[in-house]
Amino acid sequence: MSDSTYISPEVELQELLVKCGVHLGAKIKVKHMERFIYKLRADGVYLIDVKKILDRLNLAARMIAMNDLNKVVVVSTHIYGIKAVQKFCEVTGTIPIAGKIPAGIFTNRTLKYYLEPDLIVVSDPRYDIQAVTEASIARKPVIAMCSTDNVCSNIDLIIPMNNRGRTSLPFAFWYLARRVLIEKGLATPELLEKITIDQFTTQAVAEEEE
């Protein structure tokens, strides 16, 4: 293959990210998300800087990998995030809360399902507000995937991205899972090859695209 036709893995990754719509923000922006915005599209949708998305995903992976993975809780109540979170936790050994968030899970020690994690990851601080609020009360750090319209109070690390998309959430958790394994020194080429985006996508999405 000649140099003129060679596409680097980084460029391929960025192209896949764009194909999955991870860079698509909302038609609203809040002040603290301005730094992540690349430009305003003609139809009024804010586009998020692709490089900043990947930089923050990499930083989040390092932050997750610094902890015992069985003390990291990953949350999504969004329909497109539920399967993605379940698969992410299966791959990494973290704890999933996919769907409804039990009240008091981080704050009420008397509950049988009470958890005391070292780190909490949420797919959308709007949908997952209960987890964010309880994490703040329990003084636990939070990583959150945030679109351009998200208010990010009590968030310690923002991952700027489309956090409501049917393909963007599977991409983010697929990429993050692979990076966490790499950061932990648990990844092999064979293992990484077996971890595909399709495994993170809901059946409803697969049926919708047929």
C-alpha atoms as a PDB file:
ATOM      1  CA  MET A   1       0.000   0.000   0.000  1.00  0.00           C
ATOM      2  CA  SER A   2       1.408   3.390  -0.927  1.00  0.00           C
ATOM      3  CA  ASP A   3       1.748   6.255   1.525  1.00  0.00           C
ATOM      4  CA  SER A   4      -0.877   8.214  -0.412  1.00  0.00           C
ATOM      5  CA  THR A   5      -3.588   5.618   0.364  1.00  0.00           C
ATOM      6  CA  TYR A   6      -2.527   4.744   3.913  1.00  0.00           C
ATOM      7  CA  ILE A   7      -5.037   5.718   6.590  1.00  0.00           C
ATOM      8  CA  SER A   8      -3.694   5.795  10.126  1.00  0.00           C
ATOM      9  CA  PRO A   9      -5.570   3.985  12.919  1.00  0.00           C
ATOM     10  CA  GLU A  10      -6.204   7.363  14.569  1.00  0.00           C
ATOM     11  CA  VAL A  11      -7.859   8.744  11.427  1.00  0.00           C
ATOM     12  CA  GLU A  12      -9.929   5.562  11.065  1.00  0.00           C
ATOM     13  CA  LEU A  13     -11.031   5.921  14.682  1.00  0.00           C
ATOM     14  CA  GLN A  14     -12.048   9.550  14.151  1.00  0.00           C
ATOM     15  CA  GLU A  15     -13.991   8.583  11.031  1.00  0.00           C
ATOM     16  CA  LEU A  16     -15.819   5.864  12.964  1.00  0.00           C
ATOM     17  CA  LEU A  17     -16.577   8.328  15.752  1.00  0.00           C
ATOM     18  CA  VAL A  18     -18.130  10.734  13.238  1.00  0.00           C
ATOM     19  CA  LYS A  19     -20.033   7.911  11.518  1.00  0.00           C
ATOM     20  CA  CYS A  20     -21.544   7.000  14.904  1.00  0.00           C
ATOM     21  CA  GLY A  21     -22.549  10.636  15.485  1.00  0.00           C
ATOM     22  CA  VAL A  22     -20.579  10.972  18.708  1.00  0.00           C
ATOM     23  CA  HIS A  23     -19.633  14.555  17.777  1.00  0.00           C
ATOM     24  CA  LEU A  24     -23.237  15.750  17.382  1.00  0.00           C
ATOM     25  CA  GLY A  25     -24.310  18.077  20.151  1.00  0.00           C
ATOM     26  CA  ALA A  26     -27.690  19.711  20.750  1.00  0.00           C
ATOM     27  CA  LYS A  27     -29.177  22.936  19.405  1.00  0.00           C
ATOM     28  CA  ILE A  28     -28.546  24.486  22.803  1.00  0.00           C
ATOM     29  CA  LYS A  29     -25.224  25.162  24.486  1.00  0.00           C
ATOM     30  CA  VAL A  30     -24.430  26.006  28.082  1.00  0.00           C
ATOM     31  CA  LYS A  31     -21.466  28.122  29.024  1.00  0.00           C
ATOM     32  CA  HIS A  32     -19.243  25.442  30.535  1.00  0.00           C
ATOM     33  CA  MET A  33     -19.586  23.275  27.396  1.00  0.00           C
ATOM     34  CA  GLU A  34     -18.435  26.052  25.017  1.00  0.00           C
ATOM     35  CA  ARG A  35     -14.776  24.990  25.242  1.00  0.00           C
ATOM     36  CA  PHE A  36     -15.581  21.627  23.674  1.00  0.00           C
ATOM     37  CA  ILE A  37     -17.539  22.962  20.682  1.00  0.00           C
ATOM     38  CA  TYR A  38     -15.934  22.936  17.225  1.00  0.00           C
ATOM     39  CA  LYS A  39     -18.577  24.894  15.324  1.00  0.00           C
ATOM     40  CA  LEU A  40     -22.281  25.554  14.803  1.00  0.00           C
ATOM     41  CA  ARG A  41     -23.751  23.610  11.886  1.00  0.00           C
ATOM     42  CA  ALA A  42     -26.115  25.317   9.405  1.00  0.00           C
ATOM     43  CA  ASP A  43     -29.140  23.532  10.903  1.00  0.00           C
ATOM     44  CA  GLY A  44     -28.368  24.904  14.364  1.00  0.00           C
ATOM     45  CA  VAL A  45     -26.714  21.784  15.812  1.00  0.00           C
ATOM     46  CA  TYR A  46     -23.487  22.337  17.729  1.00  0.00           C
ATOM     47  CA  LEU A  47     -20.624  20.050  16.724  1.00  0.00           C
ATOM     48  CA  ILE A  48     -18.181  18.850  19.362  1.00  0.00           C
ATOM     49  CA  ASP A  49     -14.434  18.756  18.671  1.00  0.00           C
ATOM     50  CA  VAL A  50     -13.534  15.155  17.794  1.00  0.00           C
ATOM     51  CA  LYS A  51     -10.037  15.372  19.248  1.00  0.00           C
ATOM     52  CA  LYS A  52     -11.389  16.672  22.559  1.00  0.00           C
ATOM     53  CA  ILE A  53     -13.865  13.789  22.703  1.00  0.00           C
ATOM     54  CA  LEU A  54     -11.089  11.227  22.297  1.00  0.00           C
ATOM     55  CA  ASP A  55      -8.803  13.080  24.714  1.00  0.00           C
ATOM     56  CA  ARG A  56     -11.499  13.014  27.399  1.00  0.00           C
ATOM     57  CA  LEU A  57     -12.377   9.365  26.748  1.00  0.00           C
ATOM     58  CA  ASN A  58      -8.697   8.520  27.178  1.00  0.00           C
ATOM     59  CA  LEU A  59      -8.507  10.583  30.366  1.00  0.00           C
ATOM     60  CA  ALA A  60     -11.646   8.896  31.699  1.00  0.00           C
ATOM     61  CA  ALA A  61     -10.136   5.481  30.965  1.00  0.00           C
ATOM     62  CA  ARG A  62      -7.022   6.387  32.949  1.00  0.00           C
ATOM     63  CA  MET A  63      -9.145   7.681  35.815  1.00  0.00           C
ATOM     64  CA  ILE A  64     -11.219   4.481  35.871  1.00  0.00           C
ATOM     65  CA  ALA A  65      -8.136   2.276  35.651  1.00  0.00           C
ATOM     66  CA  MET A  66      -6.591   4.009  38.682  1.00  0.00           C
ATOM     67  CA  ASN A  67      -9.321   2.402  40.800  1.00  0.00           C
ATOM     68  CA  ASP A  68     -10.192  -1.187  41.660  1.00  0.00           C
ATOM     69  CA  LEU A  69     -12.612  -1.973  38.859  1.00  0.00           C
ATOM     70  CA  ASN A  70     -14.982  -3.773  41.220  1.00  0.00           C
ATOM     71  CA  LYS A  71     -15.353  -0.445  43.065  1.00  0.00           C
ATOM     72  CA  VAL A  72     -16.405   1.510  39.951  1.00  0.00           C
ATOM     73  CA  VAL A  73     -20.145   1.889  39.249  1.00  0.00           C
ATOM     74  CA  VAL A  74     -21.367   2.690  35.726  1.00  0.00           C
ATOM     75  CA  VAL A  75     -24.873   4.106  35.284  1.00  0.00           C
ATOM     76  CA  SER A  76     -27.281   4.604  32.394  1.00  0.00           C
ATOM     77  CA  THR A  77     -31.048   4.980  32.460  1.00  0.00           C
ATOM     78  CA  HIS A  78     -31.164   5.880  28.756  1.00  0.00           C
ATOM     79  CA  ILE A  79     -32.552   3.233  26.391  1.00  0.00           C
ATOM     80  CA  TYR A  80     -29.453   3.350  24.185  1.00  0.00           C
ATOM     81  CA  GLY A  81     -27.083   3.238  27.142  1.00  0.00           C
ATOM     82  CA  ILE A  82     -28.480   0.236  29.020  1.00  0.00           C
ATOM     83  CA  LYS A  83     -26.994  -2.532  26.846  1.00  0.00           C
ATOM     84  CA  ALA A  84     -23.796  -0.515  26.392  1.00  0.00           C
ATOM     85  CA  VAL A  85     -23.294  -0.200  30.155  1.00  0.00           C
ATOM     86  CA  GLN A  86     -24.059  -3.867  30.747  1.00  0.00           C
ATOM     87  CA  LYS A  87     -21.477  -4.918  28.163  1.00  0.00           C
ATOM     88  CA  PHE A  88     -18.911  -2.386  29.405  1.00  0.00           C
ATOM     89  CA  CYS A  89     -19.202  -3.775  32.922  1.00  0.00           C
ATOM     90  CA  GLU A  90     -19.036  -7.361  31.687  1.00  0.00           C
ATOM     91  CA  VAL A  91     -15.807  -6.587  29.816  1.00  0.00           C
ATOM     92  CA  THR A  92     -14.146  -4.514  32.546  1.00  0.00           C
ATOM     93  CA  GLY A  93     -15.469  -6.053  35.772  1.00  0.00           C
ATOM     94  CA  THR A  94     -17.138  -2.825  36.897  1.00  0.00           C
ATOM     95  CA  ILE A  95     -20.623  -2.639  38.471  1.00  0.00           C
ATOM     96  CA  PRO A  96     -23.611  -1.803  36.235  1.00  0.00           C
ATOM     97  CA  ILE A  97     -26.718   0.159  37.131  1.00  0.00           C
ATOM     98  CA  ALA A  98     -28.661  -0.076  33.882  1.00  0.00           C
ATOM     99  CA  GLY A  99     -32.227   1.165  33.838  1.00  0.00           C
ATOM    100  CA  LYS A 100     -33.897   2.316  37.044  1.00  0.00           C
ATOM    101  CA  ILE A 101     -31.613   3.665  39.777  1.00  0.00           C
ATOM    102  CA  PRO A 102     -32.626   2.346  43.218  1.00  0.00           C
ATOM    103  CA  ALA A 103     -33.203   5.212  45.659  1.00  0.00           C
ATOM    104  CA  GLY A 104     -30.540   5.526  48.340  1.00  0.00           C
ATOM    105  CA  ILE A 105     -28.090   3.206  46.592  1.00  0.00           C
ATOM    106  CA  PHE A 106     -25.103   5.414  47.483  1.00  0.00           C
ATOM    107  CA  THR A 107     -26.492   7.087  50.614  1.00  0.00           C
ATOM    108  CA  ASN A 108     -28.536   4.654  52.700  1.00  0.00           C
ATOM    109  CA  ARG A 109     -26.329   2.065  54.412  1.00  0.00           C
ATOM    110  CA  THR A 110     -29.323   0.149  55.714  1.00  0.00           C
ATOM    111  CA  LEU A 111     -30.411  -0.958  52.238  1.00  0.00           C
ATOM    112  CA  LYS A 112     -29.379  -4.408  51.065  1.00  0.00           C
ATOM    113  CA  TYR A 113     -28.427  -2.997  47.651  1.00  0.00           C
ATOM    114  CA  TYR A 114     -26.319  -0.158  49.115  1.00  0.00           C
ATOM    115  CA  LEU A 115     -23.048   0.436  47.277  1.00  0.00           C
ATOM    116  CA  GLU A 116     -19.972   2.372  48.336  1.00  0.00           C
ATOM    117  CA  PRO A 117     -18.029   2.868  45.094  1.00  0.00           C
ATOM    118  CA  ASP A 118     -14.768   4.752  44.660  1.00  0.00           C
ATOM    119  CA  LEU A 119     -15.905   6.222  41.322  1.00  0.00           C
ATOM    120  CA  ILE A 120     -19.194   6.631  39.436  1.00  0.00           C
ATOM    121  CA  VAL A 121     -19.617   6.978  35.676  1.00  0.00           C
ATOM    122  CA  VAL A 122     -22.923   8.225  34.208  1.00  0.00           C
ATOM    123  CA  SER A 123     -24.036   8.383  30.587  1.00  0.00           C
ATOM    124  CA  ASP A 124     -26.113  11.558  31.019  1.00  0.00           C
ATOM    125  CA  PRO A 125     -26.307  13.763  34.138  1.00  0.00           C
ATOM    126  CA  ARG A 126     -29.866  14.744  33.173  1.00  0.00           C
ATOM    127  CA  TYR A 127     -31.236  11.227  32.873  1.00  0.00           C
ATOM    128  CA  ASP A 128     -29.014   9.932  35.680  1.00  0.00           C
ATOM    129  CA  ILE A 129     -29.518  12.906  38.018  1.00  0.00           C
ATOM    130  CA  GLN A 130     -30.343  10.684  41.006  1.00  0.00           C
ATOM    131  CA  ALA A 131     -26.980   8.940  40.766  1.00  0.00           C
ATOM    132  CA  VAL A 132     -25.175  12.285  40.429  1.00  0.00           C
ATOM    133  CA  THR A 133     -27.034  13.774  43.398  1.00  0.00           C
ATOM    134  CA  GLU A 134     -26.389  10.772  45.639  1.00  0.00           C
ATOM    135  CA  ALA A 135     -22.730  10.673  44.575  1.00  0.00           C
ATOM    136  CA  SER A 136     -22.406  14.322  45.626  1.00  0.00           C
ATOM    137  CA  ILE A 137     -23.957  13.589  49.014  1.00  0.00           C
ATOM    138  CA  ALA A 138     -21.654  10.584  49.457  1.00  0.00           C
ATOM    139  CA  ARG A 139     -18.695  12.660  48.208  1.00  0.00           C
ATOM    140  CA  LYS A 140     -17.829  10.272  45.398  1.00  0.00           C
ATOM    141  CA  PRO A 141     -16.190  11.490  42.165  1.00  0.00           C
ATOM    142  CA  VAL A 142     -18.285  11.386  39.002  1.00  0.00           C
ATOM    143  CA  ILE A 143     -17.356  11.049  35.336  1.00  0.00           C
ATOM    144  CA  ALA A 144     -20.207  12.093  33.039  1.00  0.00           C
ATOM    145  CA  MET A 145     -20.851  11.969  29.314  1.00  0.00           C
ATOM    146  CA  CYS A 146     -22.277  15.415  28.515  1.00  0.00           C
ATOM    147  CA  SER A 147     -23.834  17.005  25.455  1.00  0.00           C
ATOM    148  CA  THR A 148     -23.688  20.738  24.717  1.00  0.00           C
ATOM    149  CA  ASP A 149     -26.916  21.371  26.668  1.00  0.00           C
ATOM    150  CA  ASN A 150     -26.043  19.478  29.846  1.00  0.00           C
ATOM    151  CA  VAL A 151     -25.681  21.320  33.133  1.00  0.00           C
ATOM    152  CA  CYS A 152     -22.744  19.601  34.768  1.00  0.00           C
ATOM    153  CA  SER A 153     -22.992  20.448  38.456  1.00  0.00           C
ATOM    154  CA  ASN A 154     -21.196  17.945  40.708  1.00  0.00           C
ATOM    155  CA  ILE A 155     -19.309  16.430  37.758  1.00  0.00           C
ATOM    156  CA  ASP A 156     -15.571  15.880  38.237  1.00  0.00           C
ATOM    157  CA  LEU A 157     -14.708  14.905  34.653  1.00  0.00           C
ATOM    158  CA  ILE A 158     -16.770  15.802  31.596  1.00  0.00           C
ATOM    159  CA  ILE A 159     -16.676  13.641  28.463  1.00  0.00           C
ATOM    160  CA  PRO A 160     -18.139  15.935  25.777  1.00  0.00           C
ATOM    161  CA  MET A 161     -20.221  13.901  23.326  1.00  0.00           C
ATOM    162  CA  ASN A 162     -23.632  12.968  21.980  1.00  0.00           C
ATOM    163  CA  ASN A 163     -24.927  11.126  25.030  1.00  0.00           C
ATOM    164  CA  ARG A 164     -28.395  10.250  23.701  1.00  0.00           C
ATOM    165  CA  GLY A 165     -27.599   8.719  20.327  1.00  0.00           C
ATOM    166  CA  ARG A 166     -28.439   5.157  19.326  1.00  0.00           C
ATOM    167  CA  THR A 167     -24.924   4.647  17.932  1.00  0.00           C
ATOM    168  CA  SER A 168     -22.919   7.205  19.891  1.00  0.00           C
ATOM    169  CA  LEU A 169     -23.380   5.636  23.331  1.00  0.00           C
ATOM    170  CA  PRO A 170     -22.361   2.149  22.101  1.00  0.00           C
ATOM    171  CA  PHE A 171     -19.260   3.685  20.473  1.00  0.00           C
ATOM    172  CA  ALA A 172     -18.274   5.543  23.644  1.00  0.00           C
ATOM    173  CA  PHE A 173     -18.608   2.541  25.944  1.00  0.00           C
ATOM    174  CA  TRP A 174     -16.919   0.245  23.398  1.00  0.00           C
ATOM    175  CA  TYR A 175     -13.961   2.593  23.090  1.00  0.00           C
ATOM    176  CA  LEU A 176     -13.816   3.226  26.834  1.00  0.00           C
ATOM    177  CA  ALA A 177     -13.872  -0.497  27.641  1.00  0.00           C
ATOM    178  CA  ARG A 178     -10.925  -1.160  25.351  1.00  0.00           C
ATOM    179  CA  ARG A 179      -8.958   1.783  26.749  1.00  0.00           C
ATOM    180  CA  VAL A 180      -9.584   0.711  30.359  1.00  0.00           C
ATOM    181  CA  LEU A 181      -8.241  -2.775  29.601  1.00  0.00           C
ATOM    182  CA  ILE A 182      -5.187  -1.219  27.936  1.00  0.00           C
ATOM    183  CA  GLU A 183      -4.581   1.116  30.887  1.00  0.00           C
ATOM    184  CA  LYS A 184      -4.899  -1.830  33.287  1.00  0.00           C
ATOM    185  CA  GLY A 185      -2.428  -3.894  31.253  1.00  0.00           C
ATOM    186  CA  LEU A 186      -5.098  -6.527  30.652  1.00  0.00           C
ATOM    187  CA  ALA A 187      -5.463  -6.107  26.894  1.00  0.00           C
ATOM    188  CA  THR A 188      -4.095  -8.411  24.225  1.00  0.00           C
ATOM    189  CA  PRO A 189      -4.582  -7.934  20.460  1.00  0.00           C
ATOM    190  CA  GLU A 190      -6.762 -11.053  20.419  1.00  0.00           C
ATOM    191  CA  LEU A 191      -8.961  -9.789  23.249  1.00  0.00           C
ATOM    192  CA  LEU A 192      -9.364  -6.318  21.751  1.00  0.00           C
ATOM    193  CA  GLU A 193     -10.329  -7.808  18.406  1.00  0.00           C
ATOM    194  CA  LYS A 194     -13.119  -9.782  20.065  1.00  0.00           C
ATOM    195  CA  ILE A 195     -14.656  -6.648  21.618  1.00  0.00           C
ATOM    196  CA  THR A 196     -16.886  -5.145  18.914  1.00  0.00           C
ATOM    197  CA  ILE A 197     -19.268  -2.180  18.882  1.00  0.00           C
ATOM    198  CA  ASP A 198     -22.148  -4.472  17.911  1.00  0.00           C
ATOM    199  CA  GLN A 199     -21.891  -6.117  21.328  1.00  0.00           C
ATOM    200  CA  PHE A 200     -22.689  -2.744  22.940  1.00  0.00           C
ATOM    201  CA  THR A 201     -25.703  -1.956  20.750  1.00  0.00           C
ATOM    202  CA  THR A 202     -29.276  -2.657  21.817  1.00  0.00           C
ATOM    203  CA  GLN A 203     -31.321  -5.230  19.930  1.00  0.00           C
ATOM    204  CA  ALA A 204     -33.926  -2.540  19.289  1.00  0.00           C
ATOM    205  CA  VAL A 205     -31.315  -0.500  17.442  1.00  0.00           C
ATOM    206  CA  ALA A 206     -30.201  -3.493  15.393  1.00  0.00           C
ATOM    207  CA  GLU A 207     -33.804  -4.194  14.392  1.00  0.00           C
ATOM    208  CA  GLU A 208     -34.424  -0.534  13.575  1.00  0.00           C
ATOM    209  CA  GLU A 209     -31.469  -0.476  11.183  1.00  0.00           C
ATOM    210  CA  GLU A 210     -32.528  -3.617   9.269  1.00  0.00           C
END
